[in-house]
Amino acid sequence: MNSPVVKIENEEGSEIKIYMKDSNKIYTCKKVFFSVPIAVIKQIEITRISPAKKLIFDNQEKGIVHRIYFVFENAFWRNDFSGYGSFGSSFPFN
């Protein structure tokens, strides 16, 4: 992609759209899993985010290390993962 993400549009009933800063190109997908520093998350506009997740993002303070864990009921990425890595069959927590 080689360009910062400026917006993730997640409207109900449609594919997710990812808008890039230096490009007119829009990427579409069914699911998004992203990891960004806390200082950067406020620079990305995310539509249709749950109030709980918004509260987490809005109340994070800058520091050396912050980790946010998301627990999904279904690990959607395991069945279709085609990158370099592997995932275990269970999480170490419930």
N, C-alpha and C. Protein backbone atom coordinates (compact mmCIF):
# COMPACT_ATOMS: atom_id res chain seq x y z
N MET A 1 0.83 -1.18 0.00
CA MET A 1 0.00 0.00 0.00
C MET A 1 0.87 1.25 0.00
N ASN A 2 1.89 1.29 0.81
CA ASN A 2 2.87 2.38 0.82
C ASN A 2 2.29 3.76 1.03
N SER A 3 1.20 3.85 1.76
CA SER A 3 0.58 5.13 2.06
C SER A 3 -0.22 4.98 3.35
N PRO A 4 -0.25 6.01 4.19
CA PRO A 4 -1.02 5.90 5.44
C PRO A 4 -2.52 5.78 5.18
N VAL A 5 -3.18 5.01 6.02
CA VAL A 5 -4.64 4.89 5.98
C VAL A 5 -5.24 6.11 6.67
N VAL A 6 -6.22 6.73 6.04
CA VAL A 6 -6.86 7.90 6.64
C VAL A 6 -8.31 7.62 7.05
N LYS A 7 -8.92 6.58 6.46
CA LYS A 7 -10.31 6.30 6.79
C LYS A 7 -10.61 4.82 6.56
N ILE A 8 -11.37 4.24 7.50
CA ILE A 8 -11.90 2.88 7.34
C ILE A 8 -13.41 3.01 7.42
N GLU A 9 -14.05 2.76 6.30
CA GLU A 9 -15.50 2.91 6.21
C GLU A 9 -16.14 1.54 6.36
N ASN A 10 -16.93 1.39 7.40
CA ASN A 10 -17.50 0.10 7.76
C ASN A 10 -19.01 0.22 7.87
N GLU A 11 -19.68 0.38 6.74
CA GLU A 11 -21.13 0.55 6.76
C GLU A 11 -21.81 -0.82 6.75
N GLU A 12 -22.87 -0.93 7.50
CA GLU A 12 -23.58 -2.20 7.63
C GLU A 12 -24.12 -2.67 6.28
N GLY A 13 -23.91 -3.95 6.00
CA GLY A 13 -24.43 -4.54 4.77
C GLY A 13 -23.55 -4.35 3.55
N SER A 14 -22.37 -3.78 3.70
CA SER A 14 -21.48 -3.60 2.55
C SER A 14 -20.05 -3.98 2.93
N GLU A 15 -19.20 -4.09 1.92
CA GLU A 15 -17.80 -4.40 2.17
C GLU A 15 -17.13 -3.21 2.85
N ILE A 16 -16.06 -3.48 3.56
CA ILE A 16 -15.30 -2.44 4.24
C ILE A 16 -14.42 -1.74 3.21
N LYS A 17 -14.37 -0.43 3.27
CA LYS A 17 -13.55 0.36 2.35
C LYS A 17 -12.42 1.02 3.14
N ILE A 18 -11.21 0.94 2.59
CA ILE A 18 -10.03 1.53 3.21
C ILE A 18 -9.50 2.62 2.29
N TYR A 19 -9.44 3.85 2.81
CA TYR A 19 -8.99 5.00 2.03
C TYR A 19 -7.56 5.35 2.41
N MET A 20 -6.73 5.60 1.40
CA MET A 20 -5.32 5.91 1.60
C MET A 20 -5.08 7.41 1.44
N LYS A 21 -4.06 7.94 2.11
CA LYS A 21 -3.75 9.37 2.08
C LYS A 21 -3.24 9.84 0.73
N ASP A 22 -2.26 9.15 0.19
CA ASP A 22 -1.58 9.64 -1.01
C ASP A 22 -2.07 8.98 -2.29
N SER A 23 -3.26 8.41 -2.26
CA SER A 23 -3.73 7.68 -3.42
C SER A 23 -5.24 7.84 -3.56
N ASN A 24 -5.70 7.82 -4.77
CA ASN A 24 -7.13 7.85 -5.02
C ASN A 24 -7.71 6.44 -4.98
N LYS A 25 -6.87 5.46 -4.77
CA LYS A 25 -7.30 4.07 -4.75
C LYS A 25 -8.01 3.74 -3.45
N ILE A 26 -9.10 2.99 -3.55
CA ILE A 26 -9.85 2.54 -2.39
C ILE A 26 -9.79 1.02 -2.36
N TYR A 27 -9.34 0.46 -1.24
CA TYR A 27 -9.28 -0.99 -1.09
C TYR A 27 -10.56 -1.46 -0.43
N THR A 28 -11.10 -2.58 -0.88
CA THR A 28 -12.30 -3.14 -0.27
C THR A 28 -12.00 -4.55 0.24
N CYS A 29 -12.67 -4.91 1.33
CA CYS A 29 -12.47 -6.23 1.92
C CYS A 29 -13.67 -6.58 2.79
N LYS A 30 -13.71 -7.83 3.25
CA LYS A 30 -14.80 -8.28 4.12
C LYS A 30 -14.48 -8.07 5.59
N LYS A 31 -13.21 -8.21 5.96
CA LYS A 31 -12.77 -8.06 7.35
C LYS A 31 -11.48 -7.26 7.39
N VAL A 32 -11.27 -6.54 8.50
CA VAL A 32 -10.04 -5.78 8.69
C VAL A 32 -9.48 -6.09 10.07
N PHE A 33 -8.21 -6.38 10.12
CA PHE A 33 -7.49 -6.54 11.38
C PHE A 33 -6.29 -5.63 11.27
N PHE A 34 -6.23 -4.62 12.13
CA PHE A 34 -5.13 -3.67 12.01
C PHE A 34 -4.52 -3.39 13.37
N SER A 35 -3.28 -2.98 13.33
CA SER A 35 -2.54 -2.65 14.54
C SER A 35 -1.79 -1.36 14.28
N VAL A 36 -2.09 -0.35 15.07
CA VAL A 36 -1.44 0.95 14.92
C VAL A 36 -1.09 1.51 16.29
N PRO A 37 -0.08 2.36 16.36
CA PRO A 37 0.24 3.01 17.64
C PRO A 37 -0.92 3.89 18.11
N ILE A 38 -1.06 4.03 19.40
CA ILE A 38 -2.13 4.84 19.99
C ILE A 38 -2.11 6.26 19.45
N ALA A 39 -0.93 6.81 19.25
CA ALA A 39 -0.83 8.18 18.75
C ALA A 39 -1.38 8.31 17.34
N VAL A 40 -1.40 7.23 16.59
CA VAL A 40 -1.85 7.26 15.20
C VAL A 40 -3.34 6.98 15.07
N ILE A 41 -3.91 6.21 15.98
CA ILE A 41 -5.32 5.78 15.85
C ILE A 41 -6.27 6.97 15.76
N LYS A 42 -5.96 8.06 16.41
CA LYS A 42 -6.84 9.23 16.37
C LYS A 42 -6.77 9.96 15.02
N GLN A 43 -5.79 9.63 14.20
CA GLN A 43 -5.66 10.23 12.88
C GLN A 43 -6.43 9.46 11.81
N ILE A 44 -6.97 8.30 12.17
CA ILE A 44 -7.73 7.48 11.23
C ILE A 44 -9.21 7.59 11.56
N GLU A 45 -9.99 7.98 10.59
CA GLU A 45 -11.44 8.07 10.78
C GLU A 45 -12.03 6.66 10.58
N ILE A 46 -12.75 6.18 11.59
CA ILE A 46 -13.36 4.85 11.51
C ILE A 46 -14.85 5.02 11.68
N THR A 47 -15.61 4.63 10.67
CA THR A 47 -17.07 4.74 10.76
C THR A 47 -17.63 3.47 11.40
N ARG A 48 -18.74 3.62 12.05
CA ARG A 48 -19.48 2.52 12.68
C ARG A 48 -18.60 1.71 13.62
N ILE A 49 -18.05 2.36 14.61
CA ILE A 49 -17.26 1.68 15.63
C ILE A 49 -18.11 1.61 16.90
N SER A 50 -18.00 0.53 17.63
CA SER A 50 -18.82 0.36 18.82
C SER A 50 -18.43 1.41 19.87
N PRO A 51 -19.39 1.82 20.71
CA PRO A 51 -19.08 2.80 21.75
C PRO A 51 -17.97 2.32 22.70
N ALA A 52 -17.94 1.02 22.99
CA ALA A 52 -16.90 0.49 23.89
C ALA A 52 -15.51 0.64 23.28
N LYS A 53 -15.37 0.31 22.00
CA LYS A 53 -14.06 0.45 21.34
C LYS A 53 -13.68 1.92 21.21
N LYS A 54 -14.64 2.77 20.91
CA LYS A 54 -14.36 4.21 20.81
C LYS A 54 -13.87 4.75 22.15
N LEU A 55 -14.49 4.32 23.23
CA LEU A 55 -14.08 4.74 24.57
C LEU A 55 -12.65 4.31 24.86
N ILE A 56 -12.29 3.10 24.46
CA ILE A 56 -10.92 2.62 24.66
C ILE A 56 -9.93 3.50 23.90
N PHE A 57 -10.22 3.76 22.62
CA PHE A 57 -9.32 4.58 21.81
C PHE A 57 -9.21 6.00 22.34
N ASP A 58 -10.32 6.59 22.74
CA ASP A 58 -10.33 7.98 23.19
C ASP A 58 -9.63 8.20 24.53
N ASN A 59 -9.57 7.17 25.36
CA ASN A 59 -9.02 7.34 26.71
C ASN A 59 -7.61 6.79 26.88
N GLN A 60 -6.96 6.42 25.80
CA GLN A 60 -5.59 5.93 25.90
C GLN A 60 -4.63 7.11 26.01
N GLU A 61 -3.67 6.97 26.87
CA GLU A 61 -2.64 7.99 27.01
C GLU A 61 -1.39 7.54 26.27
N LYS A 62 -0.62 8.50 25.82
CA LYS A 62 0.63 8.17 25.14
C LYS A 62 1.62 7.67 26.18
N GLY A 63 2.39 6.68 25.79
CA GLY A 63 3.38 6.12 26.68
C GLY A 63 4.34 5.26 25.90
N ILE A 64 5.14 4.53 26.60
CA ILE A 64 6.12 3.69 25.95
C ILE A 64 5.45 2.50 25.26
N VAL A 65 4.56 1.81 25.97
CA VAL A 65 3.89 0.65 25.40
C VAL A 65 2.45 0.61 25.87
N HIS A 66 1.55 0.43 24.92
CA HIS A 66 0.14 0.19 25.22
C HIS A 66 -0.29 -0.99 24.37
N ARG A 67 -0.99 -1.90 24.97
CA ARG A 67 -1.49 -3.04 24.22
C ARG A 67 -2.99 -3.12 24.38
N ILE A 68 -3.63 -3.37 23.27
CA ILE A 68 -5.08 -3.55 23.26
C ILE A 68 -5.34 -4.94 22.71
N TYR A 69 -6.12 -5.71 23.44
CA TYR A 69 -6.45 -7.05 23.00
C TYR A 69 -7.92 -7.10 22.61
N PHE A 70 -8.19 -7.66 21.45
CA PHE A 70 -9.56 -7.87 21.00
C PHE A 70 -9.81 -9.37 21.02
N VAL A 71 -10.87 -9.79 21.64
CA VAL A 71 -11.23 -11.20 21.68
C VAL A 71 -12.47 -11.38 20.81
N PHE A 72 -12.35 -12.22 19.80
CA PHE A 72 -13.45 -12.47 18.88
C PHE A 72 -14.08 -13.82 19.21
N GLU A 73 -15.37 -13.91 19.06
CA GLU A 73 -16.07 -15.17 19.30
C GLU A 73 -15.61 -16.23 18.30
N ASN A 74 -15.41 -15.82 17.07
CA ASN A 74 -14.92 -16.73 16.03
C ASN A 74 -13.63 -16.15 15.44
N ALA A 75 -12.63 -16.99 15.31
CA ALA A 75 -11.35 -16.56 14.74
C ALA A 75 -11.45 -16.65 13.22
N PHE A 76 -12.05 -15.63 12.60
CA PHE A 76 -12.33 -15.64 11.17
C PHE A 76 -11.07 -15.72 10.33
N TRP A 77 -9.94 -15.27 10.85
CA TRP A 77 -8.70 -15.23 10.07
C TRP A 77 -8.03 -16.60 9.98
N ARG A 78 -8.38 -17.54 10.81
CA ARG A 78 -7.69 -18.84 10.79
C ARG A 78 -7.98 -19.65 9.54
N ASN A 79 -9.21 -19.65 9.09
CA ASN A 79 -9.58 -20.47 7.94
C ASN A 79 -9.00 -19.95 6.64
N ASP A 80 -8.89 -18.65 6.49
CA ASP A 80 -8.47 -18.06 5.23
C ASP A 80 -7.07 -17.48 5.24
N PHE A 81 -6.32 -17.68 6.32
CA PHE A 81 -5.00 -17.07 6.43
C PHE A 81 -4.04 -17.71 5.43
N SER A 82 -3.35 -16.88 4.65
CA SER A 82 -2.42 -17.41 3.65
C SER A 82 -1.04 -16.77 3.74
N GLY A 83 -0.76 -16.08 4.84
CA GLY A 83 0.51 -15.40 4.98
C GLY A 83 1.56 -16.27 5.63
N TYR A 84 2.61 -15.64 6.10
CA TYR A 84 3.69 -16.36 6.75
C TYR A 84 3.46 -16.36 8.25
N GLY A 85 2.90 -17.39 8.78
CA GLY A 85 2.64 -17.48 10.21
C GLY A 85 1.73 -18.65 10.49
N SER A 86 1.52 -18.87 11.75
CA SER A 86 0.60 -19.94 12.13
C SER A 86 -0.14 -19.52 13.39
N PHE A 87 -1.28 -20.10 13.57
CA PHE A 87 -2.11 -19.79 14.73
C PHE A 87 -2.44 -21.10 15.44
N GLY A 88 -2.46 -21.05 16.76
CA GLY A 88 -2.83 -22.22 17.53
C GLY A 88 -4.32 -22.46 17.45
N SER A 89 -4.77 -23.59 17.97
CA SER A 89 -6.18 -23.92 17.88
C SER A 89 -7.00 -23.36 19.05
N SER A 90 -6.33 -22.84 20.08
CA SER A 90 -7.08 -22.27 21.20
C SER A 90 -6.32 -21.10 21.81
N PHE A 91 -7.06 -20.20 22.41
CA PHE A 91 -6.45 -19.08 23.10
C PHE A 91 -6.14 -19.48 24.54
N PRO A 92 -5.16 -18.85 25.17
CA PRO A 92 -4.83 -19.20 26.56
C PRO A 92 -5.79 -18.55 27.56
N PHE A 93 -6.88 -18.01 27.10
CA PHE A 93 -7.86 -17.40 28.00
C PHE A 93 -9.25 -17.63 27.44
N ASN A 94 -10.26 -17.43 28.29
CA ASN A 94 -11.64 -17.64 27.85
C ASN A 94 -12.32 -16.34 27.57
